[in-house]
Protein backbone atom coordinates (compact mmCIF):
# COMPACT_ATOMS: atom_id res chain seq x y z
CA UNK A 1 19.55 -17.63 27.54
CA UNK A 2 17.82 -15.27 25.18
CA UNK A 3 17.68 -17.99 22.52
CA UNK A 4 16.05 -20.45 24.95
CA UNK A 5 13.48 -17.82 25.94
CA UNK A 6 12.52 -17.23 22.31
CA UNK A 7 12.16 -20.95 21.66
CA UNK A 8 9.94 -21.36 24.72
CA UNK A 9 7.81 -18.38 23.69
CA UNK A 10 7.28 -19.79 20.19
CA UNK A 11 6.35 -23.17 21.65
CA UNK A 12 3.91 -21.52 24.06
CA UNK A 13 2.23 -19.58 21.24
CA UNK A 14 1.93 -22.76 19.18
CA UNK A 15 0.34 -24.61 22.11
CA UNK A 16 -2.06 -21.71 22.65
CA UNK A 17 -3.14 -21.83 19.02
CA UNK A 18 -3.71 -25.57 19.21
CA UNK A 19 -5.78 -25.31 22.39
CA UNK A 20 -7.73 -22.35 21.00
CA UNK A 21 -8.52 -24.29 17.83
CA UNK A 22 -9.42 -27.34 19.87
CA UNK A 23 -11.71 -25.27 22.05
CA UNK A 24 -13.59 -23.91 19.03
CA UNK A 25 -13.93 -27.40 17.56
CA UNK A 26 -15.10 -28.73 20.90
CA UNK A 27 -17.73 -26.00 21.13
CA UNK A 28 -19.02 -26.88 17.67
CA UNK A 29 -19.12 -30.59 18.51
CA UNK A 30 -21.03 -30.10 21.77
CA UNK A 31 -24.75 -30.75 21.51
CA UNK A 32 -26.74 -27.51 21.25
CA UNK A 33 -30.39 -27.97 22.06
CA UNK A 34 -32.90 -25.81 20.23
CA UNK A 35 -36.53 -25.58 21.36
CA UNK A 36 -39.53 -24.81 19.17
CA UNK A 37 -43.06 -24.09 20.45
CA UNK A 38 -45.60 -24.24 17.61
CA UNK A 39 -49.30 -23.47 17.31
CA UNK A 40 -50.23 -26.50 15.21
CA UNK A 41 -48.12 -29.34 13.84
CA UNK A 42 -46.70 -30.46 10.50
CA UNK A 43 -50.03 -32.02 9.54
CA UNK A 44 -51.60 -28.61 8.91
CA UNK A 45 -49.72 -28.57 5.57
CA UNK A 46 -49.55 -24.80 5.96
CA UNK A 47 -48.26 -22.47 8.63
CA UNK A 48 -46.46 -24.78 11.07
CA UNK A 49 -45.53 -27.13 8.22
CA UNK A 50 -43.68 -24.24 6.57
CA UNK A 51 -41.89 -23.30 9.81
CA UNK A 52 -40.82 -26.88 10.47
CA UNK A 53 -39.46 -27.25 6.95
CA UNK A 54 -37.28 -24.18 7.48
CA UNK A 55 -36.11 -25.33 10.90
CA UNK A 56 -35.26 -28.85 9.75
CA UNK A 57 -33.38 -27.53 6.72
CA UNK A 58 -31.39 -25.13 8.92
CA UNK A 59 -30.44 -27.83 11.41
CA UNK A 60 -29.50 -30.27 8.65
CA UNK A 61 -27.19 -27.62 7.21
CA UNK A 62 -25.60 -26.85 10.59
CA UNK A 63 -25.02 -30.52 11.35
CA UNK A 64 -23.50 -31.08 7.90
CA UNK A 65 -21.00 -28.34 8.76
CA UNK A 66 -19.84 -30.10 11.91
CA UNK A 67 -22.17 -28.55 14.45
CA UNK A 68 -24.24 -30.82 16.66
CA UNK A 69 -27.75 -29.40 16.99
CA UNK A 70 -30.70 -31.24 18.52
CA UNK A 71 -34.29 -30.00 18.03
CA UNK A 72 -36.98 -30.33 20.71
CA UNK A 73 -40.52 -29.43 19.55
CA UNK A 74 -43.63 -28.72 21.63
CA UNK A 75 -46.67 -28.87 19.32
CA UNK A 76 -50.36 -27.90 19.15
CA UNK A 77 -50.55 -24.98 21.56
CA UNK A 78 -53.34 -22.47 21.91
CA UNK A 79 -52.33 -18.89 22.66
CA UNK A 80 -52.53 -19.38 26.42
CA UNK A 81 -50.56 -20.34 29.54
CA UNK A 82 -49.56 -23.68 28.05
CA UNK A 83 -47.10 -21.68 25.97
CA UNK A 84 -45.47 -20.46 29.19
CA UNK A 85 -45.25 -24.04 30.44
CA UNK A 86 -43.74 -25.23 27.17
CA UNK A 87 -41.06 -22.52 27.20
CA UNK A 88 -40.18 -23.28 30.83
CA UNK A 89 -39.92 -26.99 30.03
CA UNK A 90 -37.69 -26.48 27.01
CA UNK A 91 -35.45 -24.00 28.82
CA UNK A 92 -35.24 -26.42 31.75
CA UNK A 93 -34.16 -29.19 29.39
CA UNK A 94 -31.12 -27.16 28.43
CA UNK A 95 -32.17 -25.42 25.22
CA UNK A 96 -29.86 -22.54 24.33
CA UNK A 97 -32.63 -20.88 22.32
CA UNK A 98 -36.40 -21.36 22.19
CA UNK A 99 -38.35 -20.22 19.12
CA UNK A 100 -42.11 -19.55 19.21
CA UNK A 101 -44.07 -19.38 15.96
CA UNK A 102 -47.38 -17.61 16.68
CA UNK A 103 -48.34 -13.97 17.15
CA UNK A 104 -50.32 -14.56 20.34
CA UNK A 105 -47.52 -16.47 22.09
CA UNK A 106 -45.35 -13.49 22.96
CA UNK A 107 -47.12 -12.34 26.12
CA UNK A 108 -46.73 -15.87 27.51
CA UNK A 109 -43.06 -16.06 26.51
CA UNK A 110 -41.64 -12.79 27.85
CA UNK A 111 -42.03 -13.53 31.59
CA UNK A 112 -40.13 -16.81 31.14
CA UNK A 113 -37.14 -14.91 29.78
CA UNK A 114 -36.60 -13.27 33.16
CA UNK A 115 -36.19 -16.65 34.85
CA UNK A 116 -33.75 -17.99 32.24
CA UNK A 117 -31.41 -15.09 31.42
CA UNK A 118 -28.93 -17.36 29.62
CA UNK A 119 -31.56 -18.70 27.23
CA UNK A 120 -32.58 -16.75 24.13
CA UNK A 121 -36.32 -16.54 23.37
CA UNK A 122 -37.51 -15.69 19.86
CA UNK A 123 -41.10 -14.68 19.11
CA UNK A 124 -41.91 -15.05 15.42
CA UNK A 125 -44.33 -12.53 13.84
CA UNK A 126 -44.38 -10.47 17.07
CA UNK A 127 -43.12 -7.04 18.03
CA UNK A 128 -42.90 -6.70 21.84
CA UNK A 129 -39.45 -8.21 22.35
CA UNK A 130 -37.89 -5.43 20.30
CA UNK A 131 -38.80 -2.85 22.94
CA UNK A 132 -39.10 -4.81 26.19
CA UNK A 133 -35.65 -3.94 27.53
CA UNK A 134 -34.56 -7.58 27.84
CA UNK A 135 -31.30 -8.69 26.26
CA UNK A 136 -32.41 -12.28 25.65
CA UNK A 137 -35.65 -11.74 23.72
CA UNK A 138 -35.99 -11.33 19.96
CA UNK A 139 -38.56 -10.73 17.20
CA UNK A 140 -38.55 -11.99 13.64
CA UNK A 141 -40.83 -11.68 10.64
CA UNK A 142 -40.52 -11.06 6.90
CA UNK A 143 -41.93 -8.71 4.28
CA UNK A 144 -44.51 -11.26 3.17
CA UNK A 145 -46.58 -8.42 1.73
CA UNK A 146 -44.11 -8.46 -1.18
CA UNK A 147 -44.98 -12.09 -1.91
CA UNK A 148 -48.68 -11.47 -1.51
CA UNK A 149 -48.50 -8.64 -4.05
CA UNK A 150 -46.90 -10.99 -6.57
CA UNK A 151 -49.49 -13.70 -5.88
CA UNK A 152 -52.12 -11.01 -6.46
CA UNK A 153 -50.72 -10.44 -9.94
CA UNK A 154 -51.31 -14.13 -10.73
CA UNK A 155 -54.88 -13.79 -9.47
CA UNK A 156 -55.47 -10.58 -11.43
CA UNK A 157 -54.15 -12.08 -14.65
CA UNK A 158 -56.57 -14.99 -14.26
CA UNK A 159 -59.46 -12.59 -13.69
CA UNK A 160 -58.49 -10.73 -16.86
CA UNK A 161 -58.47 -14.00 -18.79
CA UNK A 162 -61.94 -14.84 -17.51
CA UNK A 163 -63.20 -11.37 -18.48
CA UNK A 164 -61.69 -11.62 -21.96
CA UNK A 165 -63.23 -15.06 -22.46
CA UNK A 166 -66.66 -13.72 -21.49
CA UNK A 167 -66.92 -16.00 -18.44
CA UNK A 168 -67.39 -13.02 -16.12
CA UNK A 169 -67.92 -9.30 -16.59
CA UNK A 170 -65.54 -6.70 -15.22
CA UNK A 171 -67.93 -6.09 -12.33
CA UNK A 172 -67.92 -9.80 -11.52
CA UNK A 173 -64.17 -9.87 -10.89
CA UNK A 174 -64.82 -10.49 -7.19
CA UNK A 175 -62.18 -11.98 -4.90
CA UNK A 176 -63.02 -13.65 -1.60
CA UNK A 177 -60.41 -13.60 1.15
CA UNK A 178 -60.44 -15.83 4.25
CA UNK A 179 -58.74 -13.83 7.01
CA UNK A 180 -57.87 -15.03 10.50
CA UNK A 181 -58.18 -11.81 12.52
CA UNK A 182 -58.77 -8.14 11.66
CA UNK A 183 -55.43 -6.78 12.81
CA UNK A 184 -52.36 -5.45 11.05
CA UNK A 185 -50.62 -8.68 10.04
CA UNK A 186 -53.72 -9.88 8.19
CA UNK A 187 -54.77 -6.44 6.96
CA UNK A 188 -51.34 -5.70 5.54
CA UNK A 189 -51.28 -9.02 3.72
CA UNK A 190 -54.78 -8.88 2.29
CA UNK A 191 -54.29 -5.28 1.15
CA UNK A 192 -50.99 -5.97 -0.59
CA UNK A 193 -52.58 -8.97 -2.30
CA UNK A 194 -55.46 -6.81 -3.49
CA UNK A 195 -53.07 -4.13 -4.75
CA UNK A 196 -51.25 -6.80 -6.77
CA UNK A 197 -54.59 -7.83 -8.31
CA UNK A 198 -55.56 -4.24 -9.04
CA UNK A 199 -52.21 -3.56 -10.71
CA UNK A 200 -53.35 -5.76 -13.62
CA UNK A 201 -57.15 -5.95 -13.15
CA UNK A 202 -58.41 -2.48 -12.10
CA UNK A 203 -62.08 -3.49 -11.90
CA UNK A 204 -61.51 -6.16 -9.25
CA UNK A 205 -63.08 -5.89 -5.80
CA UNK A 206 -62.52 -8.02 -2.71
CA UNK A 207 -64.63 -9.28 0.21
CA UNK A 208 -62.82 -10.39 3.36
CA UNK A 209 -64.41 -12.85 5.78
CA UNK A 210 -62.64 -12.93 9.15
CA UNK A 211 -63.00 -16.20 11.06
CA UNK A 212 -61.41 -15.51 14.46
CA UNK A 213 -58.95 -18.40 14.26
CA UNK A 214 -55.52 -19.03 12.78
CA UNK A 215 -56.09 -22.64 11.87
CA UNK A 216 -59.59 -24.08 11.90
CA UNK A 217 -60.26 -26.04 8.71
CA UNK A 218 -64.02 -26.11 9.28
CA UNK A 219 -64.32 -22.35 9.83
CA UNK A 220 -62.07 -21.60 6.86
CA UNK A 221 -64.08 -23.85 4.56
CA UNK A 222 -67.33 -22.25 5.73
CA UNK A 223 -65.92 -18.78 5.10
CA UNK A 224 -64.81 -19.75 1.61
CA UNK A 225 -68.30 -21.19 0.95
CA UNK A 226 -69.92 -17.94 2.09
CA UNK A 227 -67.61 -15.84 -0.08
CA UNK A 228 -68.31 -17.95 -3.15
CA UNK A 229 -72.02 -17.57 -2.44
CA UNK A 230 -71.49 -13.80 -2.54
CA UNK A 231 -70.03 -14.08 -6.04
CA UNK A 232 -66.31 -14.64 -5.45
CA UNK A 233 -64.62 -16.28 -8.43
CA UNK A 234 -61.19 -16.20 -6.79
CA UNK A 235 -60.41 -17.26 -3.19
CA UNK A 236 -57.32 -16.45 -1.16
CA UNK A 237 -56.41 -16.68 2.49
CA UNK A 238 -54.45 -15.63 5.54
CA UNK A 239 -55.25 -18.78 7.49
CA UNK A 240 -53.31 -21.94 8.22
CA UNK A 241 -55.08 -24.85 6.51
CA UNK A 242 -55.68 -25.90 2.92
CA UNK A 243 -59.48 -25.98 3.23
CA UNK A 244 -60.01 -22.67 1.34
CA UNK A 245 -58.15 -24.23 -1.59
CA UNK A 246 -60.14 -27.45 -1.60
CA UNK A 247 -63.39 -25.52 -1.16
CA UNK A 248 -62.53 -23.36 -4.17
CA UNK A 249 -61.83 -26.48 -6.21
CA UNK A 250 -65.15 -28.03 -5.16
CA UNK A 251 -67.03 -25.00 -6.49
CA UNK A 252 -65.02 -24.53 -9.68
CA UNK A 253 -63.44 -21.21 -8.70
CA UNK A 254 -59.76 -20.31 -8.48
CA UNK A 255 -57.45 -19.84 -5.52
CA UNK A 256 -54.10 -18.51 -4.32
CA UNK A 257 -52.59 -19.80 -1.11
CA UNK A 258 -50.24 -19.07 1.75
CA UNK A 259 -47.34 -20.83 3.50
CA UNK A 260 -47.18 -23.81 1.15
CA UNK A 261 -47.82 -24.89 -2.41
CA UNK A 262 -51.49 -25.93 -2.37
CA UNK A 263 -51.65 -27.10 -5.98
CA UNK A 264 -51.30 -30.68 -4.75
CA UNK A 265 -54.51 -30.37 -2.72
CA UNK A 266 -56.36 -28.32 -5.36
CA UNK A 267 -54.71 -28.76 -8.78
CA UNK A 268 -57.71 -27.40 -10.70
CA UNK A 269 -58.05 -24.30 -8.53
CA UNK A 270 -54.85 -23.18 -6.83
CA UNK A 271 -52.66 -20.93 -8.98
CA UNK A 272 -49.77 -20.13 -6.65
CA UNK A 273 -48.87 -19.45 -3.02
CA UNK A 274 -46.55 -17.05 -1.25
CA UNK A 275 -44.49 -18.02 1.78
CA UNK A 276 -41.70 -17.03 4.11
CA UNK A 277 -38.61 -19.23 3.86
CA UNK A 278 -37.33 -19.34 7.45
CA UNK A 279 -34.26 -21.46 6.68
CA UNK A 280 -31.70 -18.67 6.51
CA UNK A 281 -32.96 -16.98 9.67
CA UNK A 282 -32.93 -20.16 11.75
CA UNK A 283 -29.54 -21.18 10.41
CA UNK A 284 -27.92 -17.80 11.08
CA UNK A 285 -29.49 -17.30 14.51
CA UNK A 286 -28.53 -20.75 15.81
CA UNK A 287 -25.02 -20.54 14.34
CA UNK A 288 -24.49 -17.17 15.98
CA UNK A 289 -25.61 -18.58 19.33
CA UNK A 290 -23.13 -21.45 19.06
CA UNK A 291 -20.32 -19.16 17.87
CA UNK A 292 -20.98 -16.61 20.62
CA UNK A 293 -22.11 -13.87 18.24
CA UNK A 294 -24.97 -11.43 18.72
CA UNK A 295 -28.24 -11.58 16.80
CA UNK A 296 -30.42 -8.55 15.93
CA UNK A 297 -33.28 -8.00 18.38
CA UNK A 298 -35.66 -7.46 15.45
CA UNK A 299 -35.25 -9.16 12.06
CA UNK A 300 -37.22 -8.66 8.86
CA UNK A 301 -36.44 -10.85 5.85
CA UNK A 302 -37.22 -9.64 2.32
CA UNK A 303 -37.76 -10.94 -1.17
CA UNK A 304 -34.40 -9.46 -2.16
CA UNK A 305 -32.68 -11.50 0.56
CA UNK A 306 -34.43 -14.71 -0.46
CA UNK A 307 -36.64 -14.91 2.64
CA UNK A 308 -39.93 -14.14 0.85
CA UNK A 309 -40.90 -16.40 -2.03
CA UNK A 310 -43.71 -17.50 -4.28
CA UNK A 311 -44.19 -21.15 -5.14
CA UNK A 312 -44.08 -22.52 -8.69
CA UNK A 313 -46.90 -21.18 -10.86
CA UNK A 314 -49.56 -23.75 -11.76
CA UNK A 315 -49.13 -23.28 -15.51
CA UNK A 316 -51.91 -25.77 -16.25
CA UNK A 317 -54.50 -23.20 -15.18
CA UNK A 318 -52.63 -19.87 -15.03
CA UNK A 319 -53.35 -17.17 -17.57
CA UNK A 320 -50.93 -16.63 -20.43
CA UNK A 321 -48.23 -14.06 -19.58
CA UNK A 322 -48.59 -14.51 -15.82
CA UNK A 323 -45.03 -15.67 -15.19
CA UNK A 324 -43.61 -12.74 -17.14
CA UNK A 325 -45.77 -10.25 -15.23
CA UNK A 326 -44.71 -11.75 -11.90
CA UNK A 327 -41.04 -11.84 -12.87
CA UNK A 328 -41.10 -8.14 -13.73
CA UNK A 329 -42.74 -7.26 -10.43
CA UNK A 330 -40.26 -9.38 -8.47
CA UNK A 331 -37.33 -7.72 -10.22
CA UNK A 332 -38.78 -4.26 -9.57
CA UNK A 333 -39.43 -5.04 -5.89
CA UNK A 334 -35.87 -6.29 -5.43
CA UNK A 335 -34.50 -3.21 -7.20
CA UNK A 336 -36.58 -0.83 -5.09
CA UNK A 337 -38.53 0.39 -8.13
CA UNK A 338 -41.90 -1.01 -7.05
CA UNK A 339 -43.33 -0.11 -3.66
CA UNK A 340 -46.29 -2.24 -2.67
CA UNK A 341 -48.13 0.48 -0.74
CA UNK A 342 -47.69 3.19 -3.38
CA UNK A 343 -50.13 5.95 -2.39
CA UNK A 344 -51.05 6.61 -6.02
CA UNK A 345 -52.55 3.12 -6.35
CA UNK A 346 -55.25 3.25 -3.66
CA UNK A 347 -57.47 5.57 -1.63
CA UNK A 348 -59.26 5.56 1.69
CA UNK A 349 -62.72 7.16 1.64
CA UNK A 350 -61.97 8.46 -1.84
CA UNK A 351 -58.85 10.39 -0.86
CA UNK A 352 -55.13 9.83 -0.66
CA UNK A 353 -54.50 7.89 2.54
CA UNK A 354 -52.79 9.53 5.51
CA UNK A 355 -50.37 7.93 7.94
CA UNK A 356 -52.94 7.99 10.75
CA UNK A 357 -55.43 6.10 8.58
CA UNK A 358 -52.92 3.36 7.80
CA UNK A 359 -50.57 2.98 10.76
CA UNK A 360 -51.74 0.48 13.38
CA UNK A 361 -52.40 2.40 16.58
CA UNK A 362 -51.63 -0.71 18.62
CA UNK A 363 -48.16 -1.19 17.15
CA UNK A 364 -45.34 -1.39 19.70
CA UNK A 365 -43.25 1.02 17.62
CA UNK A 366 -45.04 4.09 16.27
CA UNK A 367 -43.80 6.47 13.61
CA UNK A 368 -44.46 8.30 10.36
CA UNK A 369 -44.15 5.60 7.72
CA UNK A 370 -45.77 7.67 4.96
CA UNK A 371 -43.32 9.60 2.81
CA UNK A 372 -41.62 9.47 -0.62
CA UNK A 373 -45.05 8.61 -2.07
CA UNK A 374 -45.62 5.30 -0.29
CA UNK A 375 -46.24 3.65 3.07
CA UNK A 376 -43.05 2.08 4.41
CA UNK A 377 -44.28 -1.21 5.83
CA UNK A 378 -42.02 -3.12 8.28
CA UNK A 379 -39.39 -0.37 8.41
CA UNK A 380 -39.74 0.45 12.12
CA UNK A 381 -40.47 -3.09 13.26
CA UNK A 382 -40.48 -6.42 11.49
CA UNK A 383 -44.13 -7.14 12.38
CA UNK A 384 -46.56 -5.47 9.94
CA UNK A 385 -48.30 -2.26 11.01
CA UNK A 386 -50.38 -1.34 7.95
CA UNK A 387 -54.00 -1.39 9.15
CA UNK A 388 -55.87 0.85 6.70
CA UNK A 389 -59.24 -0.06 5.20
CA UNK A 390 -58.75 0.90 1.57
CA UNK A 391 -61.46 1.44 -1.02
CA UNK A 392 -62.42 -1.66 -2.99
CA UNK A 393 -62.22 -4.07 -0.03
CA UNK A 394 -65.29 -4.98 2.03
CA UNK A 395 -64.72 -6.37 5.54
CA UNK A 396 -67.07 -8.92 7.11
CA UNK A 397 -66.90 -10.00 10.79
CA UNK A 398 -64.28 -7.33 11.49
CA UNK A 399 -64.87 -7.78 15.23
CA UNK A 400 -62.43 -10.69 15.13
């Protein structure tokens, strides 16, 4: 009798293992719908284009591993109630997770989360979901300021080359920057870029023209034109289209880009771009959802983790030694030896900057980020909160 009981028990355990394995395989083979609400579309060749590349790569990888993921995309949304409608529609169509890719979307996303508690809502480049008390809302961004600093080195090296060749004087090392809005995400990026320039070209100055739009090719081109008219010999941007690059090329000045390699659109002008590679984040988040694992409520990717990158240097126009200078900075950033917002490298009103002068007062998470000799960007929340106006940068149209 005892022997029969043991045999039955072993058989039962074997059957349990088979069914458990089958259940896991079945879960992986079931179709998981993923929603994505985006501000533009792939045709912008910049911001949304970069997001879609990461999403498609992540889904291709998941499907190659035996998962069955279907992507539903809602494109070309302003930061308004249509975002709410799009999230409701995608949740209603059975999406397990809905990603949103613009800063201004979050306020229109959060109320939807209450009506769909089993759906996960992710707001990219935002910060409210981290502290809203909901269990199904998430934030994600990356330390893009690291990439901007490195792109700034490429710009600074080119300025040095122009100075050495007698094409400009040290005082004429003027950089023009097309910025979307005058708040922390843009300010953090433009400042880190400028600090990268100054690390190799100390005489450089920068003028920032804010345009009040994330992705308006006409406004961005007009801003670049105005900056060049003010003497800018280098153009950069925190805006979504390639028009600053093509405008720079038209006027014979140089350029560094954002989100995508713009050398194809402006081969005689664009030196390099920095970008966030969203592939790993999308892949991990979606996989965790399918596997029943938790995701962090707030995620910040870094250069060390492979989430922040610079595109291939345009060696046809880059200054000699640029790649080596960038490689050293990248290695030092990854090793924690180089801190982008090192207080010894900039001032505000002629003095060492204080936390109150730099920390965005509108940030969802407030704290003292200034210690150990530098400002700790993105430590308390993934969304940037550096908002200081440092010496050497002139702001235009800061009302935006």
